[in-house]
C-alpha atoms as a PDB file:
ATOM      1  CA  MET A   1      -8.434  19.388 -17.550  1.00  0.00           C
ATOM      2  CA  SER A   2      -4.757  17.632 -16.883  1.00  0.00           C
ATOM      3  CA  VAL A   3      -3.949  14.345 -18.881  1.00  0.00           C
ATOM      4  CA  GLN A   4      -3.880  12.734 -15.421  1.00  0.00           C
ATOM      5  CA  ASP A   5      -7.421  14.215 -14.397  1.00  0.00           C
ATOM      6  CA  ASN A   6      -8.842  13.069 -18.169  1.00  0.00           C
ATOM      7  CA  LEU A   7      -7.314   9.777 -17.566  1.00  0.00           C
ATOM      8  CA  ILE A   8      -8.883   9.245 -14.231  1.00  0.00           C
ATOM      9  CA  ARG A   9     -12.339  10.436 -15.429  1.00  0.00           C
ATOM     10  CA  LEU A  10     -12.126   7.726 -18.376  1.00  0.00           C
ATOM     11  CA  ILE A  11     -10.762   4.694 -16.327  1.00  0.00           C
ATOM     12  CA  ARG A  12     -12.295   4.940 -12.840  1.00  0.00           C
ATOM     13  CA  PRO A  13     -15.857   4.326 -14.279  1.00  0.00           C
ATOM     14  CA  ALA A  14     -14.457   1.453 -16.479  1.00  0.00           C
ATOM     15  CA  VAL A  15     -12.444  -0.240 -13.434  1.00  0.00           C
ATOM     16  CA  GLU A  16     -15.410  -0.309 -11.151  1.00  0.00           C
ATOM     17  CA  ASP A  17     -17.783  -1.449 -13.622  1.00  0.00           C
ATOM     18  CA  LEU A  18     -15.578  -4.566 -13.619  1.00  0.00           C
ATOM     19  CA  GLY A  19     -15.978  -4.853  -9.952  1.00  0.00           C
ATOM     20  CA  TYR A  20     -12.990  -3.695  -8.955  1.00  0.00           C
ATOM     21  CA  GLU A  21     -11.999  -0.374  -6.513  1.00  0.00           C
ATOM     22  CA  PHE A  22     -10.251   1.867  -8.071  1.00  0.00           C
ATOM     23  CA  VAL A  23      -6.965   2.846  -5.687  1.00  0.00           C
ATOM     24  CA  GLY A  24      -5.825   5.783  -7.795  1.00  0.00           C
ATOM     25  CA  LEU A  25      -3.763   6.274 -11.042  1.00  0.00           C
ATOM     26  CA  GLU A  26      -0.388   7.755 -11.573  1.00  0.00           C
ATOM     27  CA  TYR A  27       0.701   9.296 -14.875  1.00  0.00           C
ATOM     28  CA  LEU A  28       4.469   9.568 -15.768  1.00  0.00           C
ATOM     29  CA  SER A  29       5.524  11.595 -18.717  1.00  0.00           C
ATOM     30  CA  ASN A  30       9.062  12.461 -19.738  1.00  0.00           C
ATOM     31  CA  PRO A  31      10.321  13.280 -23.163  1.00  0.00           C
ATOM     32  CA  LYS A  32      11.375   9.609 -23.763  1.00  0.00           C
ATOM     33  CA  ASN A  33       8.268   7.982 -22.536  1.00  0.00           C
ATOM     34  CA  ARG A  34       5.133   7.869 -21.128  1.00  0.00           C
ATOM     35  CA  LEU A  35       3.583   5.728 -18.381  1.00  0.00           C
ATOM     36  CA  VAL A  36       0.183   4.953 -16.961  1.00  0.00           C
ATOM     37  CA  ARG A  37       0.019   3.437 -13.886  1.00  0.00           C
ATOM     38  CA  ILE A  38      -3.485   2.021 -12.487  1.00  0.00           C
ATOM     39  CA  TYR A  39      -3.957   0.579  -8.980  1.00  0.00           C
ATOM     40  CA  ILE A  40      -7.026  -1.907  -7.996  1.00  0.00           C
ATOM     41  CA  ASP A  41      -8.285  -4.077  -5.330  1.00  0.00           C
ATOM     42  CA  ARG A  42     -11.045  -6.070  -4.673  1.00  0.00           C
ATOM     43  CA  GLU A  43     -12.114  -6.879  -0.739  1.00  0.00           C
ATOM     44  CA  PRO A  44     -11.939  -9.291   0.630  1.00  0.00           C
ATOM     45  CA  GLU A  45      -9.934 -11.610  -1.526  1.00  0.00           C
ATOM     46  CA  GLY A  46      -7.418  -8.965  -3.171  1.00  0.00           C
ATOM     47  CA  ILE A  47      -6.253  -8.773  -6.711  1.00  0.00           C
ATOM     48  CA  SER A  48      -4.566 -11.748  -8.949  1.00  0.00           C
ATOM     49  CA  VAL A  49      -2.597 -11.502 -11.888  1.00  0.00           C
ATOM     50  CA  ASP A  50      -5.474 -12.644 -14.067  1.00  0.00           C
ATOM     51  CA  ASP A  51      -7.392  -9.509 -12.465  1.00  0.00           C
ATOM     52  CA  CYS A  52      -4.797  -7.051 -13.513  1.00  0.00           C
ATOM     53  CA  ALA A  53      -4.889  -8.423 -17.289  1.00  0.00           C
ATOM     54  CA  ASN A  54      -8.534  -8.446 -17.467  1.00  0.00           C
ATOM     55  CA  VAL A  55      -8.349  -4.806 -16.449  1.00  0.00           C
ATOM     56  CA  SER A  56      -5.429  -4.151 -18.607  1.00  0.00           C
ATOM     57  CA  HIS A  57      -7.278  -5.618 -21.679  1.00  0.00           C
ATOM     58  CA  GLU A  58     -10.621  -3.813 -20.957  1.00  0.00           C
ATOM     59  CA  VAL A  59      -8.374  -0.211 -20.311  1.00  0.00           C
ATOM     60  CA  SER A  60      -6.285  -0.890 -23.255  1.00  0.00           C
ATOM     61  CA  ALA A  61      -9.134  -0.915 -25.369  1.00  0.00           C
ATOM     62  CA  LEU A  62     -10.600   2.001 -23.911  1.00  0.00           C
ATOM     63  CA  LEU A  63      -7.943   4.007 -24.444  1.00  0.00           C
ATOM     64  CA  ASP A  64      -7.324   3.289 -27.910  1.00  0.00           C
ATOM     65  CA  VAL A  65     -10.853   4.260 -28.648  1.00  0.00           C
ATOM     66  CA  GLU A  66     -10.556   7.581 -26.403  1.00  0.00           C
ATOM     67  CA  ASP A  67      -7.101   8.447 -27.252  1.00  0.00           C
ATOM     68  CA  PRO A  68      -6.546  10.693 -24.388  1.00  0.00           C
ATOM     69  CA  ILE A  69      -2.693  10.727 -24.987  1.00  0.00           C
ATOM     70  CA  SER A  70      -0.937  11.472 -27.682  1.00  0.00           C
ATOM     71  CA  GLY A  71       2.015   9.233 -28.700  1.00  0.00           C
ATOM     72  CA  GLU A  72       3.096   5.896 -27.603  1.00  0.00           C
ATOM     73  CA  TYR A  73       2.759   5.110 -23.528  1.00  0.00           C
ATOM     74  CA  SER A  74       3.157   1.976 -21.433  1.00  0.00           C
ATOM     75  CA  LEU A  75       0.062   0.697 -19.416  1.00  0.00           C
ATOM     76  CA  GLU A  76       0.783  -0.913 -15.887  1.00  0.00           C
ATOM     77  CA  VAL A  77      -2.214  -2.390 -13.973  1.00  0.00           C
ATOM     78  CA  SER A  78      -1.138  -3.480 -10.052  1.00  0.00           C
ATOM     79  CA  SER A  79      -2.405  -4.201  -6.634  1.00  0.00           C
ATOM     80  CA  PRO A  80      -1.582  -1.390  -4.511  1.00  0.00           C
ATOM     81  CA  GLY A  81       0.501  -3.715  -2.503  1.00  0.00           C
ATOM     82  CA  ILE A  82       1.913  -3.566   1.210  1.00  0.00           C
ATOM     83  CA  GLU A  83       3.346   0.151   0.653  1.00  0.00           C
ATOM     84  CA  ARG A  84      -0.396   1.086  -0.636  1.00  0.00           C
ATOM     85  CA  PRO A  85      -0.335   4.509  -2.106  1.00  0.00           C
ATOM     86  CA  LEU A  86      -2.525   7.144  -0.841  1.00  0.00           C
ATOM     87  CA  PHE A  87      -4.348   9.248  -3.224  1.00  0.00           C
ATOM     88  CA  GLU A  88      -7.486  10.650  -1.815  1.00  0.00           C
ATOM     89  CA  PRO A  89      -8.856  11.890   1.754  1.00  0.00           C
ATOM     90  CA  ALA A  90     -10.694   8.544   1.936  1.00  0.00           C
ATOM     91  CA  HIS A  91      -7.399   6.534   1.943  1.00  0.00           C
ATOM     92  CA  TYR A  92      -5.998   8.870   4.859  1.00  0.00           C
ATOM     93  CA  ARG A  93      -8.799   8.674   6.410  1.00  0.00           C
ATOM     94  CA  GLN A  94      -8.897   4.782   6.272  1.00  0.00           C
ATOM     95  CA  PHE A  95      -5.409   3.836   7.799  1.00  0.00           C
ATOM     96  CA  VAL A  96      -5.787   6.277  10.378  1.00  0.00           C
ATOM     97  CA  GLY A  97      -2.886   4.694  13.024  1.00  0.00           C
ATOM     98  CA  GLU A  98      -0.829   3.477  10.116  1.00  0.00           C
ATOM     99  CA  ARG A  99       2.597   4.343   9.172  1.00  0.00           C
ATOM    100  CA  ALA A 100       3.174   6.239   5.992  1.00  0.00           C
ATOM    101  CA  THR A 101       5.565   8.253   4.073  1.00  0.00           C
ATOM    102  CA  VAL A 102       4.694  11.647   2.343  1.00  0.00           C
ATOM    103  CA  HIS A 103       6.507  13.227  -0.118  1.00  0.00           C
ATOM    104  CA  LEU A 104       6.026  17.509  -0.198  1.00  0.00           C
ATOM    105  CA  PHE A 105       6.009  19.819  -2.981  1.00  0.00           C
ATOM    106  CA  ALA A 106       7.658  22.264  -0.843  1.00  0.00           C
ATOM    107  CA  PRO A 107       9.199  22.034   2.722  1.00  0.00           C
ATOM    108  CA  LEU A 108       7.468  22.121   5.879  1.00  0.00           C
ATOM    109  CA  GLU A 109       9.437  22.382   8.848  1.00  0.00           C
ATOM    110  CA  ASN A 110      12.190  22.256   6.852  1.00  0.00           C
ATOM    111  CA  ARG A 111      11.128  18.328   5.746  1.00  0.00           C
ATOM    112  CA  ARG A 112      10.473  17.913   2.270  1.00  0.00           C
ATOM    113  CA  LYS A 113       9.584  13.694   3.350  1.00  0.00           C
ATOM    114  CA  ILE A 114       7.767  13.106   6.429  1.00  0.00           C
ATOM    115  CA  LYS A 115       7.574   9.413   7.877  1.00  0.00           C
ATOM    116  CA  GLY A 116       5.079   9.041  10.465  1.00  0.00           C
ATOM    117  CA  VAL A 117       2.032   7.749  11.754  1.00  0.00           C
ATOM    118  CA  ILE A 118      -1.503   9.107  10.363  1.00  0.00           C
ATOM    119  CA  VAL A 119      -3.217  10.595  13.529  1.00  0.00           C
ATOM    120  CA  GLU A 120      -6.105  12.056  12.015  1.00  0.00           C
ATOM    121  CA  ALA A 121      -7.317  13.318   8.246  1.00  0.00           C
ATOM    122  CA  ASP A 122     -10.396  15.151   6.895  1.00  0.00           C
ATOM    123  CA  ASP A 123     -11.390  16.340   3.558  1.00  0.00           C
ATOM    124  CA  ALA A 124      -8.771  19.211   3.449  1.00  0.00           C
ATOM    125  CA  ARG A 125      -5.576  17.903   5.716  1.00  0.00           C
ATOM    126  CA  VAL A 126      -3.773  15.093   7.199  1.00  0.00           C
ATOM    127  CA  ILE A 127      -2.264  15.244  10.859  1.00  0.00           C
ATOM    128  CA  LEU A 128       0.813  13.000  11.172  1.00  0.00           C
ATOM    129  CA  GLU A 129       2.765  12.397  14.249  1.00  0.00           C
ATOM    130  CA  ALA A 130       6.754  12.549  13.061  1.00  0.00           C
ATOM    131  CA  ASP A 131       9.529  12.373  15.778  1.00  0.00           C
ATOM    132  CA  GLY A 132       7.118  13.335  18.320  1.00  0.00           C
ATOM    133  CA  GLN A 133       5.656  16.382  17.145  1.00  0.00           C
ATOM    134  CA  ARG A 134       2.238  16.597  15.089  1.00  0.00           C
ATOM    135  CA  LEU A 135       2.837  17.898  11.801  1.00  0.00           C
ATOM    136  CA  GLU A 136      -0.358  19.282   9.691  1.00  0.00           C
ATOM    137  CA  VAL A 137      -0.311  18.752   5.860  1.00  0.00           C
ATOM    138  CA  ALA A 138      -2.901  20.280   3.162  1.00  0.00           C
ATOM    139  CA  TYR A 139      -3.603  17.478   0.613  1.00  0.00           C
ATOM    140  CA  ALA A 140      -2.681  20.026  -1.989  1.00  0.00           C
ATOM    141  CA  ASP A 141       0.478  20.281  -0.522  1.00  0.00           C
ATOM    142  CA  ILE A 142       1.503  16.390  -1.060  1.00  0.00           C
ATOM    143  CA  ARG A 143       3.138  15.191  -4.182  1.00  0.00           C
ATOM    144  CA  ARG A 144       2.737  11.461  -3.250  1.00  0.00           C
ATOM    145  CA  ALA A 145       2.389   9.464  -0.089  1.00  0.00           C
ATOM    146  CA  ASN A 146       2.107   5.843   0.799  1.00  0.00           C
ATOM    147  CA  LEU A 147       1.885   3.476   3.639  1.00  0.00           C
ATOM    148  CA  LYS A 148       5.057   2.046   5.168  1.00  0.00           C
ATOM    149  CA  PRO A 149       4.139  -0.564   7.532  1.00  0.00           C
ATOM    150  CA  ASP A 150       6.839  -2.115  10.128  1.00  0.00           C
ATOM    151  CA  VAL A 151       7.580  -5.091   8.226  1.00  0.00           C
ATOM    152  CA  ASP A 152       9.511  -6.742  10.945  1.00  0.00           C
ATOM    153  CA  ALA A 153       6.424  -6.226  13.184  1.00  0.00           C
ATOM    154  CA  LEU A 154       4.108  -7.954  10.397  1.00  0.00           C
ATOM    155  CA  LEU A 155       6.580 -10.837   9.908  1.00  0.00           C
ATOM    156  CA  SER A 156       6.844 -11.312  13.869  1.00  0.00           C
ATOM    157  CA  GLY A 157       2.762 -11.254  13.983  1.00  0.00           C
ATOM    158  CA  ARG A 158       2.685  -8.199  16.283  1.00  0.00           C
END
């Protein structure tokens, strides 16, 4: 099991027991530092700074006991924000019709980054419409993805 998978296994239940949605987790590691970034949400009211502090306190204590990361690391807890990251098939299904940016491990039709609209999603893949064509992408091929809403349309109320 990877460090990230082990962190998810430990942290997801703790976050959910506190009454929040565990949106996802990023584990970034390089020789100089390690970062655990947790995204949480709660419908319909959203997340406050106090919510993030509460989850950070609980998760920090859990990680101190379980010690899944050797050495020092930084812990961040955040709302998913307007450019919400997409981690699981359910996230893609939830946001069918929305604009997203998908970064791939390897090029698909000469592209490593696809900006388009989520047209369809199932448990194995997502279909994006980008530049007038439909592209089918397996989740296993996605390095990272996030929503990219049209901010101008949001501000103008369209």
